[in-house]
C-alpha atoms as a PDB file:
ATOM      1  CA  UNK A   1      22.333   3.191   5.535  1.00  0.00           C
ATOM      2  CA  UNK A   2      19.456   5.043   3.822  1.00  0.00           C
ATOM      3  CA  UNK A   3      21.088   5.628   0.695  1.00  0.00           C
ATOM      4  CA  UNK A   4      22.372   2.072   0.303  1.00  0.00           C
ATOM      5  CA  UNK A   5      18.699   0.841  -0.026  1.00  0.00           C
ATOM      6  CA  UNK A   6      18.192  -2.819   1.297  1.00  0.00           C
ATOM      7  CA  UNK A   7      17.463  -5.480  -1.312  1.00  0.00           C
ATOM      8  CA  UNK A   8      13.819  -6.485  -0.613  1.00  0.00           C
ATOM      9  CA  UNK A   9      13.348  -9.960  -2.648  1.00  0.00           C
ATOM     10  CA  UNK A  10      10.019 -10.041  -4.302  1.00  0.00           C
ATOM     11  CA  UNK A  11       8.388 -13.288  -5.585  1.00  0.00           C
ATOM     12  CA  UNK A  12       7.385 -13.411  -9.236  1.00  0.00           C
ATOM     13  CA  UNK A  13       4.019 -14.771 -10.459  1.00  0.00           C
ATOM     14  CA  UNK A  14       2.542 -15.699 -13.743  1.00  0.00           C
ATOM     15  CA  UNK A  15      -0.021 -13.321 -14.952  1.00  0.00           C
ATOM     16  CA  UNK A  16      -3.770 -14.357 -14.528  1.00  0.00           C
ATOM     17  CA  UNK A  17      -5.692 -15.365 -17.471  1.00  0.00           C
ATOM     18  CA  UNK A  18      -8.871 -13.602 -16.140  1.00  0.00           C
ATOM     19  CA  UNK A  19      -9.597  -9.926 -15.590  1.00  0.00           C
ATOM     20  CA  UNK A  20     -10.077  -6.992 -18.083  1.00  0.00           C
ATOM     21  CA  UNK A  21      -7.048  -4.665 -18.754  1.00  0.00           C
ATOM     22  CA  UNK A  22      -7.558  -1.072 -17.373  1.00  0.00           C
ATOM     23  CA  UNK A  23      -5.809   2.238 -17.808  1.00  0.00           C
ATOM     24  CA  UNK A  24      -6.013   5.295 -15.637  1.00  0.00           C
ATOM     25  CA  UNK A  25      -3.985   8.378 -14.908  1.00  0.00           C
ATOM     26  CA  UNK A  26      -2.329   9.955 -11.791  1.00  0.00           C
ATOM     27  CA  UNK A  27      -2.704  13.725 -11.251  1.00  0.00           C
ATOM     28  CA  UNK A  28       0.598  14.398 -12.845  1.00  0.00           C
ATOM     29  CA  UNK A  29      -0.419  12.593 -16.043  1.00  0.00           C
ATOM     30  CA  UNK A  30       1.313   9.126 -15.424  1.00  0.00           C
ATOM     31  CA  UNK A  31      -0.475   6.586 -17.209  1.00  0.00           C
ATOM     32  CA  UNK A  32      -1.030   3.379 -14.761  1.00  0.00           C
ATOM     33  CA  UNK A  33      -2.042   0.084 -15.979  1.00  0.00           C
ATOM     34  CA  UNK A  34      -3.818  -2.935 -14.328  1.00  0.00           C
ATOM     35  CA  UNK A  35      -6.556  -5.234 -14.425  1.00  0.00           C
ATOM     36  CA  UNK A  36      -9.937  -5.418 -13.165  1.00  0.00           C
ATOM     37  CA  UNK A  37     -10.979  -8.901 -11.664  1.00  0.00           C
ATOM     38  CA  UNK A  38     -14.621  -9.707 -11.309  1.00  0.00           C
ATOM     39  CA  UNK A  39     -16.156 -11.759  -8.678  1.00  0.00           C
ATOM     40  CA  UNK A  40     -17.171 -15.100  -8.965  1.00  0.00           C
ATOM     41  CA  UNK A  41     -20.491 -14.700  -7.157  1.00  0.00           C
ATOM     42  CA  UNK A  42     -23.823 -13.492  -8.274  1.00  0.00           C
ATOM     43  CA  UNK A  43     -23.791 -10.419  -6.103  1.00  0.00           C
ATOM     44  CA  UNK A  44     -20.608  -8.341  -5.607  1.00  0.00           C
ATOM     45  CA  UNK A  45     -19.652  -7.780  -1.788  1.00  0.00           C
ATOM     46  CA  UNK A  46     -17.171  -4.970  -2.424  1.00  0.00           C
ATOM     47  CA  UNK A  47     -14.151  -3.781  -4.157  1.00  0.00           C
ATOM     48  CA  UNK A  48     -10.611  -4.183  -3.258  1.00  0.00           C
ATOM     49  CA  UNK A  49      -7.653  -2.455  -4.624  1.00  0.00           C
ATOM     50  CA  UNK A  50      -4.188  -4.344  -4.315  1.00  0.00           C
ATOM     51  CA  UNK A  51      -0.922  -2.488  -3.834  1.00  0.00           C
ATOM     52  CA  UNK A  52       2.102  -4.603  -4.799  1.00  0.00           C
ATOM     53  CA  UNK A  53       5.505  -4.704  -3.482  1.00  0.00           C
ATOM     54  CA  UNK A  54       8.651  -2.846  -4.192  1.00  0.00           C
ATOM     55  CA  UNK A  55      10.184  -4.429  -7.539  1.00  0.00           C
ATOM     56  CA  UNK A  56       6.850  -6.365  -7.996  1.00  0.00           C
ATOM     57  CA  UNK A  57       3.888  -5.758 -10.292  1.00  0.00           C
ATOM     58  CA  UNK A  58       0.123  -6.312 -10.530  1.00  0.00           C
ATOM     59  CA  UNK A  59       0.452 -10.079 -10.498  1.00  0.00           C
ATOM     60  CA  UNK A  60       1.697 -10.151  -6.983  1.00  0.00           C
ATOM     61  CA  UNK A  61      -2.274 -10.373  -6.256  1.00  0.00           C
ATOM     62  CA  UNK A  62      -2.271 -13.976  -7.406  1.00  0.00           C
ATOM     63  CA  UNK A  63      -2.117 -15.773  -4.106  1.00  0.00           C
ATOM     64  CA  UNK A  64      -4.889 -13.607  -2.793  1.00  0.00           C
ATOM     65  CA  UNK A  65      -7.068 -13.182  -5.930  1.00  0.00           C
ATOM     66  CA  UNK A  66      -9.135 -16.452  -5.955  1.00  0.00           C
ATOM     67  CA  UNK A  67     -10.068 -16.282  -2.249  1.00  0.00           C
ATOM     68  CA  UNK A  68     -11.208 -12.766  -2.768  1.00  0.00           C
ATOM     69  CA  UNK A  69     -13.058 -13.603  -5.926  1.00  0.00           C
ATOM     70  CA  UNK A  70     -14.872 -16.428  -4.526  1.00  0.00           C
ATOM     71  CA  UNK A  71     -15.957 -14.370  -1.338  1.00  0.00           C
ATOM     72  CA  UNK A  72     -17.669 -12.132  -3.690  1.00  0.00           C
ATOM     73  CA  UNK A  73     -15.077  -9.176  -3.898  1.00  0.00           C
ATOM     74  CA  UNK A  74     -13.984  -7.504  -7.324  1.00  0.00           C
ATOM     75  CA  UNK A  75     -10.274  -6.674  -7.087  1.00  0.00           C
ATOM     76  CA  UNK A  76      -8.417  -4.024  -9.061  1.00  0.00           C
ATOM     77  CA  UNK A  77      -4.807  -4.575  -9.217  1.00  0.00           C
ATOM     78  CA  UNK A  78      -2.397  -2.220 -10.886  1.00  0.00           C
ATOM     79  CA  UNK A  79       1.398  -1.458 -11.545  1.00  0.00           C
ATOM     80  CA  UNK A  80       2.723   1.362  -9.648  1.00  0.00           C
ATOM     81  CA  UNK A  81       4.535   4.069 -12.102  1.00  0.00           C
ATOM     82  CA  UNK A  82       8.042   2.694 -12.936  1.00  0.00           C
ATOM     83  CA  UNK A  83       6.933  -0.732 -12.390  1.00  0.00           C
ATOM     84  CA  UNK A  84       5.276  -3.384 -14.832  1.00  0.00           C
ATOM     85  CA  UNK A  85       3.886  -1.751 -18.068  1.00  0.00           C
ATOM     86  CA  UNK A  86       2.979   1.704 -16.311  1.00  0.00           C
ATOM     87  CA  UNK A  87       4.601   4.616 -17.270  1.00  0.00           C
ATOM     88  CA  UNK A  88       7.946   5.525 -16.153  1.00  0.00           C
ATOM     89  CA  UNK A  89       8.531   8.969 -14.526  1.00  0.00           C
ATOM     90  CA  UNK A  90      11.857  10.474 -15.546  1.00  0.00           C
ATOM     91  CA  UNK A  91      13.994  11.393 -12.177  1.00  0.00           C
ATOM     92  CA  UNK A  92      11.804   8.959 -10.369  1.00  0.00           C
ATOM     93  CA  UNK A  93      13.761   6.098  -8.621  1.00  0.00           C
ATOM     94  CA  UNK A  94      11.483   3.759  -6.731  1.00  0.00           C
ATOM     95  CA  UNK A  95      12.901   3.186  -3.197  1.00  0.00           C
ATOM     96  CA  UNK A  96      11.210   1.282  -0.206  1.00  0.00           C
ATOM     97  CA  UNK A  97      10.200   4.584   1.346  1.00  0.00           C
ATOM     98  CA  UNK A  98       6.806   5.912   0.646  1.00  0.00           C
ATOM     99  CA  UNK A  99       6.632   9.105  -1.378  1.00  0.00           C
ATOM    100  CA  UNK A 100       3.870  11.597  -2.409  1.00  0.00           C
ATOM    101  CA  UNK A 101       3.793  10.045  -5.822  1.00  0.00           C
ATOM    102  CA  UNK A 102       3.234   6.468  -4.775  1.00  0.00           C
ATOM    103  CA  UNK A 103       0.284   7.865  -2.847  1.00  0.00           C
ATOM    104  CA  UNK A 104      -0.967   9.763  -5.928  1.00  0.00           C
ATOM    105  CA  UNK A 105      -0.854   6.435  -7.945  1.00  0.00           C
ATOM    106  CA  UNK A 106      -3.133   4.685  -5.162  1.00  0.00           C
ATOM    107  CA  UNK A 107      -5.485   7.908  -5.259  1.00  0.00           C
ATOM    108  CA  UNK A 108      -5.761   7.647  -9.017  1.00  0.00           C
ATOM    109  CA  UNK A 109      -6.858   3.898  -8.749  1.00  0.00           C
ATOM    110  CA  UNK A 110      -9.556   5.000  -6.168  1.00  0.00           C
ATOM    111  CA  UNK A 111     -10.566   7.798  -8.286  1.00  0.00           C
ATOM    112  CA  UNK A 112     -11.048   5.507 -11.261  1.00  0.00           C
ATOM    113  CA  UNK A 113     -13.121   2.960  -9.449  1.00  0.00           C
ATOM    114  CA  UNK A 114     -15.443   5.618  -8.147  1.00  0.00           C
ATOM    115  CA  UNK A 115     -16.142   6.900 -11.577  1.00  0.00           C
ATOM    116  CA  UNK A 116     -17.168   3.564 -12.851  1.00  0.00           C
ATOM    117  CA  UNK A 117     -20.955   3.288 -13.485  1.00  0.00           C
ATOM    118  CA  UNK A 118     -21.295   0.359 -10.894  1.00  0.00           C
ATOM    119  CA  UNK A 119     -18.876   1.851  -8.572  1.00  0.00           C
ATOM    120  CA  UNK A 120     -19.526   1.062  -4.624  1.00  0.00           C
ATOM    121  CA  UNK A 121     -20.637   4.468  -3.284  1.00  0.00           C
ATOM    122  CA  UNK A 122     -19.533   3.194   0.080  1.00  0.00           C
ATOM    123  CA  UNK A 123     -16.087   3.135  -0.975  1.00  0.00           C
ATOM    124  CA  UNK A 124     -13.130   0.395  -1.285  1.00  0.00           C
ATOM    125  CA  UNK A 125     -10.836  -1.635   0.642  1.00  0.00           C
ATOM    126  CA  UNK A 126      -7.089  -1.449   0.510  1.00  0.00           C
ATOM    127  CA  UNK A 127      -4.801  -4.767   0.440  1.00  0.00           C
ATOM    128  CA  UNK A 128      -0.991  -3.912   0.516  1.00  0.00           C
ATOM    129  CA  UNK A 129       2.058  -5.943   0.836  1.00  0.00           C
ATOM    130  CA  UNK A 130       5.472  -4.701   1.869  1.00  0.00           C
ATOM    131  CA  UNK A 131       5.976  -1.035   0.554  1.00  0.00           C
ATOM    132  CA  UNK A 132       2.574  -1.303  -1.015  1.00  0.00           C
ATOM    133  CA  UNK A 133       1.205  -2.032   2.599  1.00  0.00           C
ATOM    134  CA  UNK A 134       2.965   1.405   3.713  1.00  0.00           C
ATOM    135  CA  UNK A 135       1.589   3.250   0.600  1.00  0.00           C
ATOM    136  CA  UNK A 136      -1.883   1.803   1.487  1.00  0.00           C
ATOM    137  CA  UNK A 137      -1.654   3.075   5.133  1.00  0.00           C
ATOM    138  CA  UNK A 138      -0.512   6.483   4.247  1.00  0.00           C
ATOM    139  CA  UNK A 139      -3.597   6.816   1.592  1.00  0.00           C
ATOM    140  CA  UNK A 140      -6.147   5.417   4.440  1.00  0.00           C
ATOM    141  CA  UNK A 141      -5.108   8.003   6.755  1.00  0.00           C
ATOM    142  CA  UNK A 142      -6.238  10.722   4.305  1.00  0.00           C
ATOM    143  CA  UNK A 143      -8.973   9.365   2.082  1.00  0.00           C
ATOM    144  CA  UNK A 144     -12.344   8.575   3.505  1.00  0.00           C
ATOM    145  CA  UNK A 145     -13.087   6.492   0.533  1.00  0.00           C
ATOM    146  CA  UNK A 146     -11.010   3.787   1.990  1.00  0.00           C
ATOM    147  CA  UNK A 147     -13.302   1.519   4.265  1.00  0.00           C
ATOM    148  CA  UNK A 148     -10.869  -1.123   5.520  1.00  0.00           C
ATOM    149  CA  UNK A 149      -6.944  -1.751   5.330  1.00  0.00           C
ATOM    150  CA  UNK A 150      -5.149  -5.096   5.255  1.00  0.00           C
ATOM    151  CA  UNK A 151      -1.359  -4.368   5.700  1.00  0.00           C
ATOM    152  CA  UNK A 152       0.932  -7.173   5.566  1.00  0.00           C
ATOM    153  CA  UNK A 153       4.797  -6.616   6.145  1.00  0.00           C
ATOM    154  CA  UNK A 154       4.279  -2.911   6.953  1.00  0.00           C
ATOM    155  CA  UNK A 155       7.411  -0.970   7.476  1.00  0.00           C
ATOM    156  CA  UNK A 156       8.674   2.655   7.733  1.00  0.00           C
ATOM    157  CA  UNK A 157      11.655   4.560   8.043  1.00  0.00           C
ATOM    158  CA  UNK A 158      11.643   4.818  11.928  1.00  0.00           C
ATOM    159  CA  UNK A 159      13.223   1.280  12.485  1.00  0.00           C
ATOM    160  CA  UNK A 160      15.877   2.120  10.362  1.00  0.00           C
ATOM    161  CA  UNK A 161      16.477   5.365  12.145  1.00  0.00           C
ATOM    162  CA  UNK A 162      16.622   3.444  15.237  1.00  0.00           C
ATOM    163  CA  UNK A 163      19.585   1.128  13.961  1.00  0.00           C
ATOM    164  CA  UNK A 164      21.387   4.253  13.230  1.00  0.00           C
ATOM    165  CA  UNK A 165      20.935   5.587  16.573  1.00  0.00           C
ATOM    166  CA  UNK A 166      22.062   2.310  18.196  1.00  0.00           C
ATOM    167  CA  UNK A 167      25.361   2.835  16.454  1.00  0.00           C
ATOM    168  CA  UNK A 168      25.927   5.862  18.265  1.00  0.00           C
ATOM    169  CA  UNK A 169      25.723   3.952  21.560  1.00  0.00           C
ATOM    170  CA  UNK A 170      29.238   5.045  22.483  1.00  0.00           C
ATOM    171  CA  UNK A 171      27.862   8.867  22.879  1.00  0.00           C
ATOM    172  CA  UNK A 172      26.016   8.863  26.157  1.00  0.00           C
ATOM    173  CA  UNK A 173      24.397  12.169  25.890  1.00  0.00           C
ATOM    174  CA  UNK A 174      22.915  11.227  22.559  1.00  0.00           C
ATOM    175  CA  UNK A 175      21.434   7.880  24.145  1.00  0.00           C
ATOM    176  CA  UNK A 176      19.843   9.916  26.962  1.00  0.00           C
ATOM    177  CA  UNK A 177      17.213  11.468  24.593  1.00  0.00           C
ATOM    178  CA  UNK A 178      16.355   8.099  23.100  1.00  0.00           C
ATOM    179  CA  UNK A 179      13.018   8.165  21.454  1.00  0.00           C
ATOM    180  CA  UNK A 180      13.654  11.948  20.512  1.00  0.00           C
ATOM    181  CA  UNK A 181      16.664  11.293  18.822  1.00  0.00           C
ATOM    182  CA  UNK A 182      15.157   8.575  16.670  1.00  0.00           C
ATOM    183  CA  UNK A 183      12.234  11.068  15.561  1.00  0.00           C
ATOM    184  CA  UNK A 184      14.911  13.666  14.718  1.00  0.00           C
ATOM    185  CA  UNK A 185      17.177  11.088  12.763  1.00  0.00           C
ATOM    186  CA  UNK A 186      13.879   9.910  10.806  1.00  0.00           C
ATOM    187  CA  UNK A 187      12.857  13.175  10.109  1.00  0.00           C
ATOM    188  CA  UNK A 188      16.219  14.576   9.035  1.00  0.00           C
ATOM    189  CA  UNK A 189      16.899  11.697   6.669  1.00  0.00           C
ATOM    190  CA  UNK A 190      13.443  11.957   4.996  1.00  0.00           C
ATOM    191  CA  UNK A 191      14.294  15.652   4.414  1.00  0.00           C
ATOM    192  CA  UNK A 192      17.790  15.121   3.074  1.00  0.00           C
ATOM    193  CA  UNK A 193      16.441  12.331   0.674  1.00  0.00           C
ATOM    194  CA  UNK A 194      13.740  14.510  -0.368  1.00  0.00           C
ATOM    195  CA  UNK A 195      15.790  17.178  -1.266  1.00  0.00           C
ATOM    196  CA  UNK A 196      18.284  14.937  -3.145  1.00  0.00           C
ATOM    197  CA  UNK A 197      15.501  13.242  -5.223  1.00  0.00           C
ATOM    198  CA  UNK A 198      13.156  16.128  -5.707  1.00  0.00           C
ATOM    199  CA  UNK A 199       9.942  14.488  -4.016  1.00  0.00           C
ATOM    200  CA  UNK A 200       8.639  14.344  -0.582  1.00  0.00           C
ATOM    201  CA  UNK A 201       8.858  11.243   1.597  1.00  0.00           C
ATOM    202  CA  UNK A 202       6.156  10.475   4.020  1.00  0.00           C
ATOM    203  CA  UNK A 203       6.293   9.595   7.729  1.00  0.00           C
ATOM    204  CA  UNK A 204       4.507   6.378   7.722  1.00  0.00           C
ATOM    205  CA  UNK A 205       4.213   6.229  11.565  1.00  0.00           C
ATOM    206  CA  UNK A 206       2.357   9.454  11.657  1.00  0.00           C
ATOM    207  CA  UNK A 207       0.170   8.536   8.987  1.00  0.00           C
ATOM    208  CA  UNK A 208      -0.574   5.241  10.568  1.00  0.00           C
ATOM    209  CA  UNK A 209      -1.653   6.777  13.706  1.00  0.00           C
ATOM    210  CA  UNK A 210      -4.212   8.819  11.782  1.00  0.00           C
ATOM    211  CA  UNK A 211      -5.895   5.802  10.146  1.00  0.00           C
ATOM    212  CA  UNK A 212      -9.400   5.686  11.428  1.00  0.00           C
ATOM    213  CA  UNK A 213     -10.804   2.749   9.496  1.00  0.00           C
ATOM    214  CA  UNK A 214     -10.660  -1.053  10.555  1.00  0.00           C
ATOM    215  CA  UNK A 215      -7.248  -2.662  10.228  1.00  0.00           C
ATOM    216  CA  UNK A 216      -5.520  -5.868   9.915  1.00  0.00           C
ATOM    217  CA  UNK A 217      -1.843  -5.926  10.292  1.00  0.00           C
ATOM    218  CA  UNK A 218      -0.025  -9.189   9.120  1.00  0.00           C
ATOM    219  CA  UNK A 219       3.845  -9.517  10.050  1.00  0.00           C
ATOM    220  CA  UNK A 220       6.382 -12.288  10.044  1.00  0.00           C
ATOM    221  CA  UNK A 221       7.845 -13.248  13.358  1.00  0.00           C
ATOM    222  CA  UNK A 222      11.270 -13.507  11.945  1.00  0.00           C
ATOM    223  CA  UNK A 223      11.334 -10.280   9.808  1.00  0.00           C
ATOM    224  CA  UNK A 224      14.929  -9.181   9.602  1.00  0.00           C
ATOM    225  CA  UNK A 225      14.201  -5.772   8.446  1.00  0.00           C
ATOM    226  CA  UNK A 226      11.295  -4.721  10.778  1.00  0.00           C
ATOM    227  CA  UNK A 227      11.304  -5.941  14.287  1.00  0.00           C
ATOM    228  CA  UNK A 228       7.895  -7.476  15.472  1.00  0.00           C
ATOM    229  CA  UNK A 229       8.271  -5.050  18.515  1.00  0.00           C
ATOM    230  CA  UNK A 230       7.730  -2.097  16.009  1.00  0.00           C
ATOM    231  CA  UNK A 231       4.516  -3.292  14.810  1.00  0.00           C
ATOM    232  CA  UNK A 232       3.241  -4.233  18.274  1.00  0.00           C
ATOM    233  CA  UNK A 233       4.074  -0.607  19.117  1.00  0.00           C
ATOM    234  CA  UNK A 234       2.178   0.861  16.223  1.00  0.00           C
ATOM    235  CA  UNK A 235      -0.880  -1.513  16.733  1.00  0.00           C
ATOM    236  CA  UNK A 236      -1.304   0.126  20.067  1.00  0.00           C
ATOM    237  CA  UNK A 237      -1.256   3.463  18.407  1.00  0.00           C
ATOM    238  CA  UNK A 238      -3.802   2.485  15.832  1.00  0.00           C
ATOM    239  CA  UNK A 239      -7.702   2.576  16.167  1.00  0.00           C
ATOM    240  CA  UNK A 240      -9.046   0.451  18.822  1.00  0.00           C
ATOM    241  CA  UNK A 241      -9.891  -3.011  17.454  1.00  0.00           C
ATOM    242  CA  UNK A 242      -6.730  -2.935  15.203  1.00  0.00           C
ATOM    243  CA  UNK A 243      -5.691  -6.713  14.647  1.00  0.00           C
ATOM    244  CA  UNK A 244      -2.360  -8.040  14.574  1.00  0.00           C
ATOM    245  CA  UNK A 245      -1.613 -11.506  13.019  1.00  0.00           C
ATOM    246  CA  UNK A 246       1.845 -12.821  13.499  1.00  0.00           C
ATOM    247  CA  UNK A 247       2.838 -15.412  11.045  1.00  0.00           C
ATOM    248  CA  UNK A 248       5.311 -18.010  12.364  1.00  0.00           C
ATOM    249  CA  UNK A 249       8.054 -18.952   9.981  1.00  0.00           C
ATOM    250  CA  UNK A 250       7.413 -15.594   7.762  1.00  0.00           C
ATOM    251  CA  UNK A 251       9.959 -12.849   7.246  1.00  0.00           C
ATOM    252  CA  UNK A 252       9.330  -9.608   5.431  1.00  0.00           C
ATOM    253  CA  UNK A 253       5.943  -9.722   3.267  1.00  0.00           C
ATOM    254  CA  UNK A 254       6.489 -13.521   2.945  1.00  0.00           C
ATOM    255  CA  UNK A 255       3.478 -14.475   5.164  1.00  0.00           C
ATOM    256  CA  UNK A 256       1.388 -15.688   2.252  1.00  0.00           C
ATOM    257  CA  UNK A 257       3.947 -18.250   1.226  1.00  0.00           C
ATOM    258  CA  UNK A 258       4.224 -19.404   4.933  1.00  0.00           C
ATOM    259  CA  UNK A 259       0.700 -19.684   5.888  1.00  0.00           C
ATOM    260  CA  UNK A 260      -0.476 -20.439   2.212  1.00  0.00           C
ATOM    261  CA  UNK A 261      -4.254 -21.132   1.777  1.00  0.00           C
ATOM    262  CA  UNK A 262      -5.030 -20.239   5.753  1.00  0.00           C
ATOM    263  CA  UNK A 263      -3.543 -16.987   5.199  1.00  0.00           C
ATOM    264  CA  UNK A 264      -5.511 -15.981   1.782  1.00  0.00           C
ATOM    265  CA  UNK A 265      -8.706 -17.322   3.509  1.00  0.00           C
ATOM    266  CA  UNK A 266      -8.164 -15.157   6.577  1.00  0.00           C
ATOM    267  CA  UNK A 267      -7.664 -12.138   4.640  1.00  0.00           C
ATOM    268  CA  UNK A 268     -10.725 -12.768   2.503  1.00  0.00           C
ATOM    269  CA  UNK A 269     -12.885 -13.460   5.676  1.00  0.00           C
ATOM    270  CA  UNK A 270     -11.702 -10.221   7.494  1.00  0.00           C
ATOM    271  CA  UNK A 271     -12.587  -8.073   4.311  1.00  0.00           C
ATOM    272  CA  UNK A 272     -15.942 -10.091   4.292  1.00  0.00           C
ATOM    273  CA  UNK A 273     -16.806  -8.989   7.791  1.00  0.00           C
ATOM    274  CA  UNK A 274     -15.811  -5.415   7.154  1.00  0.00           C
ATOM    275  CA  UNK A 275     -16.543  -4.557   3.625  1.00  0.00           C
ATOM    276  CA  UNK A 276     -19.349  -6.714   2.417  1.00  0.00           C
ATOM    277  CA  UNK A 277     -22.360  -4.310   1.408  1.00  0.00           C
ATOM    278  CA  UNK A 278     -25.380  -4.188  -0.779  1.00  0.00           C
ATOM    279  CA  UNK A 279     -24.547  -5.544  -4.283  1.00  0.00           C
ATOM    280  CA  UNK A 280     -23.869  -2.838  -6.880  1.00  0.00           C
ATOM    281  CA  UNK A 281     -25.391  -2.949 -10.173  1.00  0.00           C
ATOM    282  CA  UNK A 282     -23.922  -5.095 -12.842  1.00  0.00           C
ATOM    283  CA  UNK A 283     -21.319  -3.469 -15.133  1.00  0.00           C
ATOM    284  CA  UNK A 284     -22.724  -2.209 -18.455  1.00  0.00           C
ATOM    285  CA  UNK A 285     -22.020  -4.146 -21.534  1.00  0.00           C
ATOM    286  CA  UNK A 286     -19.198  -2.817 -23.540  1.00  0.00           C
ATOM    287  CA  UNK A 287     -18.024  -0.730 -20.651  1.00  0.00           C
ATOM    288  CA  UNK A 288     -14.526   0.969 -21.428  1.00  0.00           C
ATOM    289  CA  UNK A 289     -12.161   0.588 -18.648  1.00  0.00           C
ATOM    290  CA  UNK A 290     -10.045   3.332 -19.745  1.00  0.00           C
ATOM    291  CA  UNK A 291     -10.232   6.727 -18.099  1.00  0.00           C
ATOM    292  CA  UNK A 292      -9.377   9.737 -19.886  1.00  0.00           C
ATOM    293  CA  UNK A 293      -6.025  11.525 -19.269  1.00  0.00           C
ATOM    294  CA  UNK A 294      -6.067  14.191 -16.381  1.00  0.00           C
ATOM    295  CA  UNK A 295      -4.439  17.247 -17.258  1.00  0.00           C
ATOM    296  CA  UNK A 296      -0.927  17.381 -15.949  1.00  0.00           C
ATOM    297  CA  UNK A 297       0.229  19.844 -13.552  1.00  0.00           C
ATOM    298  CA  UNK A 298       3.194  22.067 -14.557  1.00  0.00           C
ATOM    299  CA  UNK A 299       6.296  21.224 -12.608  1.00  0.00           C
ATOM    300  CA  UNK A 300       7.326  23.848  -9.929  1.00  0.00           C
ATOM    301  CA  UNK A 301      10.490  23.262  -7.864  1.00  0.00           C
ATOM    302  CA  UNK A 302      10.075  19.473  -7.599  1.00  0.00           C
ATOM    303  CA  UNK A 303       6.361  19.840  -6.525  1.00  0.00           C
ATOM    304  CA  UNK A 304       4.446  16.635  -6.229  1.00  0.00           C
ATOM    305  CA  UNK A 305       0.574  15.965  -6.810  1.00  0.00           C
ATOM    306  CA  UNK A 306      -1.884  17.082  -4.456  1.00  0.00           C
ATOM    307  CA  UNK A 307      -3.529  14.324  -2.612  1.00  0.00           C
ATOM    308  CA  UNK A 308      -7.379  13.834  -1.535  1.00  0.00           C
ATOM    309  CA  UNK A 309      -8.502  15.226   1.644  1.00  0.00           C
ATOM    310  CA  UNK A 310     -10.334  12.968   4.147  1.00  0.00           C
END
């Protein structure tokens, strides 16, 4: 069930005409490409990093971009490795499950923003959809430069492990250990997949419970892959004040299509309340938005790039 990965459909969007192309590098030397969209207001309120869905690209930001730009936020949207125009990493097969390589890509985006002359010293906000929401959540749990998190269609391996365990309902002694069996199955599957593919898979549930920033969770009431009950359970274990918006008529990561402009305006208002800060200095004329490559780390037994500490 884990190896036969579920097909998660992703909407395709036309590229935006505005924005400046950017390049930056992950710790292992992978070149990541994206676009930096400047706000439409005289004073910038903050910077948002957009993390797209599996099988998507940077332009999945399109439904959110105009509201965020009108609210005064700059937006960095980029292609994860093996997506869009970013580099392909040999031997890496993107899956719905979060890996340390995915986290390294987001960490590289944050590092790039923090080295810009007009960077916001208070940090950035993260907006993730689908797998991007899971990756953003994991990064927020270990990186203090993340000030606020919006996660739409968040999921992890845990609900899928619960489905596997449900198939064992005919074995009474297994069902008596309930939640412990789910955790054991989840850990075992992540370990086996990691050994098979040569990189580490992340426990999203554990990471989510370590997030200390303000959080807005958005979930479709009719999500076929991730039950609403799991998101509600996770919300209770996240920081006090974590908000959950259940969107009627939405399935996995389709809330923006279901709620349309109301959805984008709500996300923008949440960021405005949590992220708005003193305006940074304007960008220098002729600023090059290309980060020099970081020295690649030599591979050793499938090791993955180190992640920033909180």
